Structure formats: C-alpha cells, structure tokens
PDB file of all heavy atoms in Angstrom:
ATOM      1  N   ARG A   1       6.266  25.668  -4.164  1.00  0.00           N
ATOM      2  CA  ARG A   1       5.810  25.210  -2.844  1.00  0.00           C
ATOM      3  C   ARG A   1       4.508  24.442  -2.932  1.00  0.00           C
ATOM      4  O   ARG A   1       4.325  23.437  -2.287  1.00  0.00           O
ATOM      5  CB  ARG A   1       5.643  26.417  -1.913  1.00  0.00           C
ATOM      6  CG  ARG A   1       6.946  26.917  -1.345  1.00  0.00           C
ATOM      7  CD  ARG A   1       6.753  27.955  -0.290  1.00  0.00           C
ATOM      8  NE  ARG A   1       5.871  27.548   0.755  1.00  0.00           N
ATOM      9  CZ  ARG A   1       5.363  28.363   1.649  1.00  0.00           C
ATOM     10  NH1 ARG A   1       5.675  29.635   1.642  1.00  0.00           N
ATOM     11  NH2 ARG A   1       4.530  27.902   2.588  1.00  0.00           N
ATOM     12  N   HIS A   2       3.580  24.908  -3.759  1.00  0.00           N
ATOM     13  CA  HIS A   2       2.315  24.231  -3.988  1.00  0.00           C
ATOM     14  C   HIS A   2       2.527  22.853  -4.601  1.00  0.00           C
ATOM     15  O   HIS A   2       1.928  21.884  -4.168  1.00  0.00           O
ATOM     16  CB  HIS A   2       1.385  25.062  -4.858  1.00  0.00           C
ATOM     17  CG  HIS A   2       0.107  24.441  -5.129  1.00  0.00           C
ATOM     18  ND1 HIS A   2      -0.120  23.630  -6.288  1.00  0.00           N
ATOM     19  CD2 HIS A   2      -1.060  24.407  -4.457  1.00  0.00           C
ATOM     20  CE1 HIS A   2      -1.348  23.196  -6.225  1.00  0.00           C
ATOM     21  NE2 HIS A   2      -1.938  23.668  -5.149  1.00  0.00           N
ATOM     22  N   ASP A   3       3.390  22.795  -5.596  1.00  0.00           N
ATOM     23  CA  ASP A   3       3.707  21.506  -6.239  1.00  0.00           C
ATOM     24  C   ASP A   3       4.338  20.523  -5.248  1.00  0.00           C
ATOM     25  O   ASP A   3       4.059  19.333  -5.265  1.00  0.00           O
ATOM     26  CB  ASP A   3       4.618  21.703  -7.455  1.00  0.00           C
ATOM     27  CG  ASP A   3       3.909  22.453  -8.578  1.00  0.00           C
ATOM     28  OD1 ASP A   3       2.687  22.571  -8.556  1.00  0.00           O
ATOM     29  OD2 ASP A   3       4.635  22.943  -9.468  1.00  0.00           O
ATOM     30  N   LEU A   4       5.208  21.038  -4.394  1.00  0.00           N
ATOM     31  CA  LEU A   4       5.871  20.225  -3.436  1.00  0.00           C
ATOM     32  C   LEU A   4       4.890  19.663  -2.368  1.00  0.00           C
ATOM     33  O   LEU A   4       4.945  18.524  -2.004  1.00  0.00           O
ATOM     34  CB  LEU A   4       7.004  21.007  -2.692  1.00  0.00           C
ATOM     35  CG  LEU A   4       7.862  20.256  -1.731  1.00  0.00           C
ATOM     36  CD1 LEU A   4       8.608  19.146  -2.464  1.00  0.00           C
ATOM     37  CD2 LEU A   4       8.827  21.220  -1.044  1.00  0.00           C
ATOM     38  N   ALA A   5       3.953  20.508  -1.979  1.00  0.00           N
ATOM     39  CA  ALA A   5       2.935  20.068  -0.990  1.00  0.00           C
ATOM     40  C   ALA A   5       2.075  18.985  -1.629  1.00  0.00           C
ATOM     41  O   ALA A   5       1.739  17.999  -0.958  1.00  0.00           O
ATOM     42  CB  ALA A   5       2.089  21.234  -0.522  1.00  0.00           C
ATOM     43  N   ALA A   6       1.669  19.153  -2.902  1.00  0.00           N
ATOM     44  CA  ALA A   6       0.872  18.160  -3.563  1.00  0.00           C
ATOM     45  C   ALA A   6       1.614  16.840  -3.727  1.00  0.00           C
ATOM     46  O   ALA A   6       1.072  15.769  -3.566  1.00  0.00           O
ATOM     47  CB  ALA A   6       0.433  18.707  -4.958  1.00  0.00           C
ATOM     48  N   ALA A   7       2.917  16.935  -4.039  1.00  0.00           N
ATOM     49  CA  ALA A   7       3.735  15.723  -4.176  1.00  0.00           C
ATOM     50  C   ALA A   7       3.876  15.013  -2.831  1.00  0.00           C
ATOM     51  O   ALA A   7       3.838  13.789  -2.790  1.00  0.00           O
ATOM     52  CB  ALA A   7       5.106  16.087  -4.722  1.00  0.00           C
ATOM     53  N   ASP A   8       4.067  15.766  -1.756  1.00  0.00           N
ATOM     54  CA  ASP A   8       4.130  15.170  -0.448  1.00  0.00           C
ATOM     55  C   ASP A   8       2.859  14.422  -0.074  1.00  0.00           C
ATOM     56  O   ASP A   8       2.883  13.304   0.486  1.00  0.00           O
ATOM     57  CB  ASP A   8       4.395  16.176   0.669  1.00  0.00           C
ATOM     58  CG  ASP A   8       5.885  16.659   0.639  1.00  0.00           C
ATOM     59  OD1 ASP A   8       6.725  15.922   0.086  1.00  0.00           O
ATOM     60  OD2 ASP A   8       6.149  17.734   1.193  1.00  0.00           O
ATOM     61  N   GLU A   9       1.716  15.032  -0.382  1.00  0.00           N
ATOM     62  CA  GLU A   9       0.433  14.384  -0.111  1.00  0.00           C
ATOM     63  C   GLU A   9       0.279  13.111  -0.941  1.00  0.00           C
ATOM     64  O   GLU A   9      -0.186  12.085  -0.426  1.00  0.00           O
ATOM     65  CB  GLU A   9      -0.718  15.375  -0.452  1.00  0.00           C
ATOM     66  CG  GLU A   9      -2.067  14.845  -0.101  1.00  0.00           C
ATOM     67  CD  GLU A   9      -2.297  14.641   1.385  1.00  0.00           C
ATOM     68  OE1 GLU A   9      -1.680  15.371   2.169  1.00  0.00           O
ATOM     69  OE2 GLU A   9      -3.090  13.768   1.751  1.00  0.00           O
ATOM     70  N   ARG A  10       0.708  13.123  -2.157  1.00  0.00           N
ATOM     71  CA  ARG A  10       0.645  11.959  -2.998  1.00  0.00           C
ATOM     72  C   ARG A  10       1.544  10.863  -2.510  1.00  0.00           C
ATOM     73  O   ARG A  10       1.202   9.686  -2.555  1.00  0.00           O
ATOM     74  CB  ARG A  10       0.989  12.336  -4.445  1.00  0.00           C
ATOM     75  CG  ARG A  10       0.774  11.235  -5.403  1.00  0.00           C
ATOM     76  CD  ARG A  10       0.606  11.699  -6.808  1.00  0.00           C
ATOM     77  NE  ARG A  10       0.283  10.556  -7.655  1.00  0.00           N
ATOM     78  CZ  ARG A  10       0.767  10.320  -8.837  1.00  0.00           C
ATOM     79  NH1 ARG A  10       1.569  11.168  -9.371  1.00  0.00           N
ATOM     80  NH2 ARG A  10       0.458   9.243  -9.508  1.00  0.00           N
ATOM     81  N   VAL A  11       2.720  11.228  -2.020  1.00  0.00           N
ATOM     82  CA  VAL A  11       3.640  10.252  -1.501  1.00  0.00           C
ATOM     83  C   VAL A  11       3.031   9.585  -0.232  1.00  0.00           C
ATOM     84  O   VAL A  11       3.160   8.354  -0.076  1.00  0.00           O
ATOM     85  CB  VAL A  11       5.015  10.902  -1.131  1.00  0.00           C
ATOM     86  CG1 VAL A  11       5.853  10.009  -0.215  1.00  0.00           C
ATOM     87  CG2 VAL A  11       5.771  11.219  -2.405  1.00  0.00           C
ATOM     88  N   LYS A  12       2.366  10.346   0.627  1.00  0.00           N
ATOM     89  CA  LYS A  12       1.720   9.764   1.821  1.00  0.00           C
ATOM     90  C   LYS A  12       0.647   8.752   1.393  1.00  0.00           C
ATOM     91  O   LYS A  12       0.542   7.659   1.968  1.00  0.00           O
ATOM     92  CB  LYS A  12       1.087  10.871   2.650  1.00  0.00           C
ATOM     93  CG  LYS A  12       2.064  11.725   3.390  1.00  0.00           C
ATOM     94  CD  LYS A  12       1.389  12.774   4.198  1.00  0.00           C
ATOM     95  CE  LYS A  12       2.401  13.714   4.841  1.00  0.00           C
ATOM     96  NZ  LYS A  12       1.747  14.809   5.546  1.00  0.00           N
ATOM     97  N   ILE A  13      -0.188   9.105   0.403  1.00  0.00           N
ATOM     98  CA  ILE A  13      -1.238   8.239  -0.028  1.00  0.00           C
ATOM     99  C   ILE A  13      -0.660   6.962  -0.643  1.00  0.00           C
ATOM    100  O   ILE A  13      -1.114   5.866  -0.361  1.00  0.00           O
ATOM    101  CB  ILE A  13      -2.146   8.979  -1.024  1.00  0.00           C
ATOM    102  CG1 ILE A  13      -2.935  10.076  -0.328  1.00  0.00           C
ATOM    103  CG2 ILE A  13      -3.080   7.997  -1.740  1.00  0.00           C
ATOM    104  CD1 ILE A  13      -3.677  10.985  -1.298  1.00  0.00           C
ATOM    105  N   LEU A  14       0.369   7.105  -1.494  1.00  0.00           N
ATOM    106  CA  LEU A  14       0.958   5.972  -2.149  1.00  0.00           C
ATOM    107  C   LEU A  14       1.681   5.078  -1.124  1.00  0.00           C
ATOM    108  O   LEU A  14       1.646   3.811  -1.296  1.00  0.00           O
ATOM    109  CB  LEU A  14       1.892   6.418  -3.272  1.00  0.00           C
ATOM    110  CG  LEU A  14       1.240   7.020  -4.490  1.00  0.00           C
ATOM    111  CD1 LEU A  14       2.273   7.526  -5.478  1.00  0.00           C
ATOM    112  CD2 LEU A  14       0.318   6.033  -5.156  1.00  0.00           C
ATOM    113  N   SER A  15       2.324   5.620  -0.165  1.00  0.00           N
ATOM    114  CA  SER A  15       3.017   4.782   0.835  1.00  0.00           C
ATOM    115  C   SER A  15       1.984   4.018   1.663  1.00  0.00           C
ATOM    116  O   SER A  15       2.194   2.853   2.021  1.00  0.00           O
ATOM    117  CB  SER A  15       3.896   5.608   1.749  1.00  0.00           C
ATOM    118  OG  SER A  15       3.146   6.537   2.480  1.00  0.00           O
ATOM    119  N   GLU A  16       0.834   4.614   1.945  1.00  0.00           N
ATOM    120  CA  GLU A  16      -0.231   3.915   2.676  1.00  0.00           C
ATOM    121  C   GLU A  16      -0.785   2.773   1.793  1.00  0.00           C
ATOM    122  O   GLU A  16      -0.994   1.646   2.283  1.00  0.00           O
ATOM    123  CB  GLU A  16      -1.377   4.871   3.012  1.00  0.00           C
ATOM    124  CG  GLU A  16      -2.482   4.241   3.795  1.00  0.00           C
ATOM    125  CD  GLU A  16      -3.546   5.229   4.219  1.00  0.00           C
ATOM    126  OE1 GLU A  16      -3.177   6.369   4.604  1.00  0.00           O
ATOM    127  OE2 GLU A  16      -4.696   4.874   4.179  1.00  0.00           O
ATOM    128  N   GLN A  17      -0.973   2.997   0.505  1.00  0.00           N
ATOM    129  CA  GLN A  17      -1.438   1.982  -0.379  1.00  0.00           C
ATOM    130  C   GLN A  17      -0.401   0.865  -0.510  1.00  0.00           C
ATOM    131  O   GLN A  17      -0.744  -0.313  -0.568  1.00  0.00           O
ATOM    132  CB  GLN A  17      -1.752   2.543  -1.759  1.00  0.00           C
ATOM    133  CG  GLN A  17      -2.977   3.387  -1.818  1.00  0.00           C
ATOM    134  CD  GLN A  17      -3.222   4.013  -3.152  1.00  0.00           C
ATOM    135  OE1 GLN A  17      -2.378   3.950  -4.080  1.00  0.00           O
ATOM    136  NE2 GLN A  17      -4.398   4.613  -3.333  1.00  0.00           N
ATOM    137  N   ASN A  18       0.864   1.216  -0.512  1.00  0.00           N
ATOM    138  CA  ASN A  18       1.945   0.199  -0.564  1.00  0.00           C
ATOM    139  C   ASN A  18       1.900  -0.673   0.694  1.00  0.00           C
ATOM    140  O   ASN A  18       2.093  -1.906   0.573  1.00  0.00           O
ATOM    141  CB  ASN A  18       3.346   0.863  -0.685  1.00  0.00           C
ATOM    142  CG  ASN A  18       3.639   1.208  -2.147  1.00  0.00           C
ATOM    143  OD1 ASN A  18       3.054   0.669  -3.051  1.00  0.00           O
ATOM    144  ND2 ASN A  18       4.590   2.106  -2.296  1.00  0.00           N
ATOM    145  N   LYS A  19       1.673  -0.085   1.855  1.00  0.00           N
ATOM    146  CA  LYS A  19       1.555  -0.871   3.079  1.00  0.00           C
ATOM    147  C   LYS A  19       0.428  -1.866   2.992  1.00  0.00           C
ATOM    148  O   LYS A  19       0.531  -3.031   3.353  1.00  0.00           O
ATOM    149  CB  LYS A  19       1.379   0.015   4.283  1.00  0.00           C
ATOM    150  CG  LYS A  19       2.638   0.783   4.666  1.00  0.00           C
ATOM    151  CD  LYS A  19       2.362   1.699   5.859  1.00  0.00           C
ATOM    152  CE  LYS A  19       3.566   2.565   6.173  1.00  0.00           C
ATOM    153  NZ  LYS A  19       3.316   3.504   7.225  1.00  0.00           N
ATOM    154  N   GLN A  20      -0.744  -1.388   2.498  1.00  0.00           N
ATOM    155  CA  GLN A  20      -1.935  -2.270   2.364  1.00  0.00           C
ATOM    156  C   GLN A  20      -1.621  -3.370   1.384  1.00  0.00           C
ATOM    157  O   GLN A  20      -1.993  -4.533   1.649  1.00  0.00           O
ATOM    158  CB  GLN A  20      -3.138  -1.459   1.920  1.00  0.00           C
ATOM    159  CG  GLN A  20      -3.656  -0.461   2.945  1.00  0.00           C
ATOM    160  CD  GLN A  20      -4.739   0.398   2.405  1.00  0.00           C
ATOM    161  OE1 GLN A  20      -5.001   0.446   1.203  1.00  0.00           O
ATOM    162  NE2 GLN A  20      -5.364   1.191   3.270  1.00  0.00           N
ATOM    163  N   LEU A  21      -0.992  -3.063   0.278  1.00  0.00           N
ATOM    164  CA  LEU A  21      -0.693  -4.092  -0.737  1.00  0.00           C
ATOM    165  C   LEU A  21       0.311  -5.069  -0.203  1.00  0.00           C
ATOM    166  O   LEU A  21       0.239  -6.298  -0.482  1.00  0.00           O
ATOM    167  CB  LEU A  21      -0.247  -3.445  -2.032  1.00  0.00           C
ATOM    168  CG  LEU A  21      -1.322  -2.705  -2.820  1.00  0.00           C
ATOM    169  CD1 LEU A  21      -0.708  -1.971  -4.002  1.00  0.00           C
ATOM    170  CD2 LEU A  21      -2.401  -3.658  -3.262  1.00  0.00           C
ATOM    171  N   SER A  22       1.311  -4.612   0.526  1.00  0.00           N
ATOM    172  CA  SER A  22       2.309  -5.551   1.138  1.00  0.00           C
ATOM    173  C   SER A  22       1.652  -6.480   2.095  1.00  0.00           C
ATOM    174  O   SER A  22       1.932  -7.675   2.143  1.00  0.00           O
ATOM    175  CB  SER A  22       3.414  -4.740   1.852  1.00  0.00           C
ATOM    176  OG  SER A  22       4.127  -3.939   0.953  1.00  0.00           O
ATOM    177  N   THR A  23       0.674  -5.953   2.889  1.00  0.00           N
ATOM    178  CA  THR A  23      -0.020  -6.831   3.800  1.00  0.00           C
ATOM    179  C   THR A  23      -0.849  -7.872   3.041  1.00  0.00           C
ATOM    180  O   THR A  23      -0.840  -9.061   3.416  1.00  0.00           O
ATOM    181  CB  THR A  23      -0.996  -5.989   4.660  1.00  0.00           C
ATOM    182  OG1 THR A  23      -0.258  -4.974   5.337  1.00  0.00           O
ATOM    183  CG2 THR A  23      -1.736  -6.810   5.670  1.00  0.00           C
ATOM    184  N   ARG A  24      -1.469  -7.463   1.938  1.00  0.00           N
ATOM    185  CA  ARG A  24      -2.237  -8.387   1.133  1.00  0.00           C
ATOM    186  C   ARG A  24      -1.332  -9.458   0.495  1.00  0.00           C
ATOM    187  O   ARG A  24      -1.694 -10.608   0.417  1.00  0.00           O
ATOM    188  CB  ARG A  24      -3.043  -7.642   0.094  1.00  0.00           C
ATOM    189  CG  ARG A  24      -3.894  -8.568  -0.730  1.00  0.00           C
ATOM    190  CD  ARG A  24      -4.807  -7.791  -1.672  1.00  0.00           C
ATOM    191  NE  ARG A  24      -5.297  -8.703  -2.706  1.00  0.00           N
ATOM    192  CZ  ARG A  24      -6.537  -9.144  -2.713  1.00  0.00           C
ATOM    193  NH1 ARG A  24      -7.394  -8.759  -1.819  1.00  0.00           N
ATOM    194  NH2 ARG A  24      -6.905  -9.945  -3.695  1.00  0.00           N
ATOM    195  N   VAL A  25      -0.166  -9.024   0.024  1.00  0.00           N
ATOM    196  CA  VAL A  25       0.792  -9.991  -0.608  1.00  0.00           C
ATOM    197  C   VAL A  25       1.152 -11.022   0.416  1.00  0.00           C
ATOM    198  O   VAL A  25       1.219 -12.233   0.133  1.00  0.00           O
ATOM    199  CB  VAL A  25       1.971  -9.241  -1.202  1.00  0.00           C
ATOM    200  CG1 VAL A  25       3.085 -10.201  -1.523  1.00  0.00           C
ATOM    201  CG2 VAL A  25       1.576  -8.485  -2.447  1.00  0.00           C
ATOM    202  N   SER A  26       1.566 -10.572   1.645  1.00  0.00           N
ATOM    203  CA  SER A  26       1.964 -11.526   2.675  1.00  0.00           C
ATOM    204  C   SER A  26       0.796 -12.441   3.053  1.00  0.00           C
ATOM    205  O   SER A  26       1.029 -13.629   3.326  1.00  0.00           O
ATOM    206  CB  SER A  26       2.525 -10.800   3.871  1.00  0.00           C
ATOM    207  OG  SER A  26       1.508 -10.039   4.502  1.00  0.00           O
ATOM    208  N   LYS A  27      -0.414 -11.929   3.025  1.00  0.00           N
ATOM    209  CA  LYS A  27      -1.575 -12.755   3.313  1.00  0.00           C
ATOM    210  C   LYS A  27      -1.862 -13.755   2.202  1.00  0.00           C
ATOM    211  O   LYS A  27      -2.258 -14.882   2.468  1.00  0.00           O
ATOM    212  CB  LYS A  27      -2.808 -11.844   3.529  1.00  0.00           C
ATOM    213  CG  LYS A  27      -3.982 -12.517   4.132  1.00  0.00           C
ATOM    214  CD  LYS A  27      -5.099 -11.498   4.363  1.00  0.00           C
ATOM    215  CE  LYS A  27      -6.308 -12.145   4.962  1.00  0.00           C
ATOM    216  NZ  LYS A  27      -7.417 -11.178   5.137  1.00  0.00           N
ATOM    217  N   LEU A  28      -1.583 -13.374   0.939  1.00  0.00           N
ATOM    218  CA  LEU A  28      -1.785 -14.278  -0.155  1.00  0.00           C
ATOM    219  C   LEU A  28      -0.846 -15.456  -0.189  1.00  0.00           C
ATOM    220  O   LEU A  28      -1.080 -16.434  -0.935  1.00  0.00           O
ATOM    221  CB  LEU A  28      -1.719 -13.502  -1.491  1.00  0.00           C
ATOM    222  CG  LEU A  28      -2.961 -12.630  -1.814  1.00  0.00           C
ATOM    223  CD1 LEU A  28      -2.656 -11.777  -3.044  1.00  0.00           C
ATOM    224  CD2 LEU A  28      -4.182 -13.455  -2.020  1.00  0.00           C
ATOM    225  N   HIS A  29       0.254 -15.335   0.528  1.00  0.00           N
ATOM    226  CA  HIS A  29       1.232 -16.440   0.584  1.00  0.00           C
ATOM    227  C   HIS A  29       0.832 -17.542   1.569  1.00  0.00           C
ATOM    228  O   HIS A  29       1.542 -18.512   1.704  1.00  0.00           O
ATOM    229  CB  HIS A  29       2.594 -15.942   0.848  1.00  0.00           C
ATOM    230  CG  HIS A  29       3.225 -15.227  -0.308  1.00  0.00           C
ATOM    231  ND1 HIS A  29       3.483 -15.815  -1.521  1.00  0.00           N
ATOM    232  CD2 HIS A  29       3.602 -13.918  -0.463  1.00  0.00           C
ATOM    233  CE1 HIS A  29       4.031 -14.926  -2.344  1.00  0.00           C
ATOM    234  NE2 HIS A  29       4.064 -13.777  -1.765  1.00  0.00           N
ATOM    235  N   THR A  30      -0.269 -17.350   2.278  1.00  0.00           N
ATOM    236  CA  THR A  30      -0.693 -18.349   3.248  1.00  0.00           C
ATOM    237  C   THR A  30      -1.613 -19.363   2.619  1.00  0.00           C
ATOM    238  O   THR A  30      -2.349 -19.032   1.692  1.00  0.00           O
ATOM    239  CB  THR A  30      -1.402 -17.707   4.504  1.00  0.00           C
ATOM    240  OG1 THR A  30      -2.578 -17.074   4.043  1.00  0.00           O
ATOM    241  CG2 THR A  30      -0.474 -16.712   5.177  1.00  0.00           C
ATOM    242  N   ASP A  31      -1.592 -20.575   3.123  1.00  0.00           N
ATOM    243  CA  ASP A  31      -2.449 -21.637   2.561  1.00  0.00           C
ATOM    244  C   ASP A  31      -3.939 -21.354   2.813  1.00  0.00           C
ATOM    245  O   ASP A  31      -4.788 -21.629   1.968  1.00  0.00           O
ATOM    246  CB  ASP A  31      -2.091 -22.996   3.161  1.00  0.00           C
ATOM    247  CG  ASP A  31      -0.733 -23.498   2.646  1.00  0.00           C
ATOM    248  OD1 ASP A  31      -0.279 -23.048   1.598  1.00  0.00           O
ATOM    249  OD2 ASP A  31      -0.115 -24.329   3.369  1.00  0.00           O
ATOM    250  N   ALA A  32      -4.241 -20.780   3.962  1.00  0.00           N
ATOM    251  CA  ALA A  32      -5.648 -20.511   4.267  1.00  0.00           C
ATOM    252  C   ALA A  32      -6.264 -19.467   3.298  1.00  0.00           C
ATOM    253  O   ALA A  32      -7.394 -19.648   2.854  1.00  0.00           O
ATOM    254  CB  ALA A  32      -5.758 -19.955   5.689  1.00  0.00           C
ATOM    255  N   GLU A  33      -5.510 -18.485   2.942  1.00  0.00           N
ATOM    256  CA  GLU A  33      -5.980 -17.474   1.982  1.00  0.00           C
ATOM    257  C   GLU A  33      -6.156 -18.049   0.594  1.00  0.00           C
ATOM    258  O   GLU A  33      -7.079 -17.770  -0.120  1.00  0.00           O
ATOM    259  CB  GLU A  33      -5.090 -16.272   2.005  1.00  0.00           C
ATOM    260  CG  GLU A  33      -5.577 -15.105   1.149  1.00  0.00           C
ATOM    261  CD  GLU A  33      -6.872 -14.443   1.724  1.00  0.00           C
ATOM    262  OE1 GLU A  33      -7.221 -14.725   2.857  1.00  0.00           O
ATOM    263  OE2 GLU A  33      -7.456 -13.693   0.973  1.00  0.00           O
ATOM    264  N   ILE A  34      -5.183 -18.891   0.233  1.00  0.00           N
ATOM    265  CA  ILE A  34      -5.262 -19.516  -1.096  1.00  0.00           C
ATOM    266  C   ILE A  34      -6.480 -20.404  -1.172  1.00  0.00           C
ATOM    267  O   ILE A  34      -7.230 -20.389  -2.162  1.00  0.00           O
ATOM    268  CB  ILE A  34      -3.974 -20.312  -1.423  1.00  0.00           C
ATOM    269  CG1 ILE A  34      -2.805 -19.333  -1.590  1.00  0.00           C
ATOM    270  CG2 ILE A  34      -4.132 -21.151  -2.636  1.00  0.00           C
ATOM    271  CD1 ILE A  34      -1.456 -20.013  -1.635  1.00  0.00           C
ATOM    272  N   GLU A  35      -6.745 -21.147  -0.131  1.00  0.00           N
ATOM    273  CA  GLU A  35      -7.927 -22.010  -0.122  1.00  0.00           C
ATOM    274  C   GLU A  35      -9.222 -21.182  -0.109  1.00  0.00           C
ATOM    275  O   GLU A  35     -10.141 -21.521  -0.804  1.00  0.00           O
ATOM    276  CB  GLU A  35      -7.907 -22.900   1.157  1.00  0.00           C
ATOM    277  CG  GLU A  35      -9.105 -23.819   1.230  1.00  0.00           C
ATOM    278  CD  GLU A  35      -9.100 -24.664   2.508  1.00  0.00           C
ATOM    279  OE1 GLU A  35      -8.034 -24.771   3.163  1.00  0.00           O
ATOM    280  OE2 GLU A  35     -10.150 -25.232   2.811  1.00  0.00           O
ATOM    281  N   ARG A  36      -9.242 -20.102   0.637  1.00  0.00           N
ATOM    282  CA  ARG A  36     -10.474 -19.251   0.658  1.00  0.00           C
ATOM    283  C   ARG A  36     -10.724 -18.668  -0.735  1.00  0.00           C
ATOM    284  O   ARG A  36     -11.886 -18.695  -1.229  1.00  0.00           O
ATOM    285  CB  ARG A  36     -10.258 -18.069   1.644  1.00  0.00           C
ATOM    286  CG  ARG A  36     -11.502 -17.227   1.799  1.00  0.00           C
ATOM    287  CD  ARG A  36     -11.232 -15.989   2.651  1.00  0.00           C
ATOM    288  NE  ARG A  36     -10.396 -15.041   1.994  1.00  0.00           N
ATOM    289  CZ  ARG A  36     -10.808 -14.165   1.048  1.00  0.00           C
ATOM    290  NH1 ARG A  36     -12.054 -14.137   0.667  1.00  0.00           N
ATOM    291  NH2 ARG A  36      -9.970 -13.314   0.506  1.00  0.00           N
TER     292      ARG A  36
END
C-alpha cells in the first residue's frame, strides 16, 4: 500500500511535468518563440 501511494504521487508529478513540457513543445513550434 505504501509503495502504491508513492507510485501514485510520482505519476501525478510526472503527468504535470508532461503537461508543462507539451505546452513548451507547442510553444517552440511558433515563429515568435523561435525568433525570441
């Protein structure tokens, strides 16, 4: 149960980081961001 709770917490953190990275990837595909 302890291992499962720790894994769930890690999944939440990693999914949040994935969302941030996906946002950054979509932002990097714009001309304005490339120019900046």
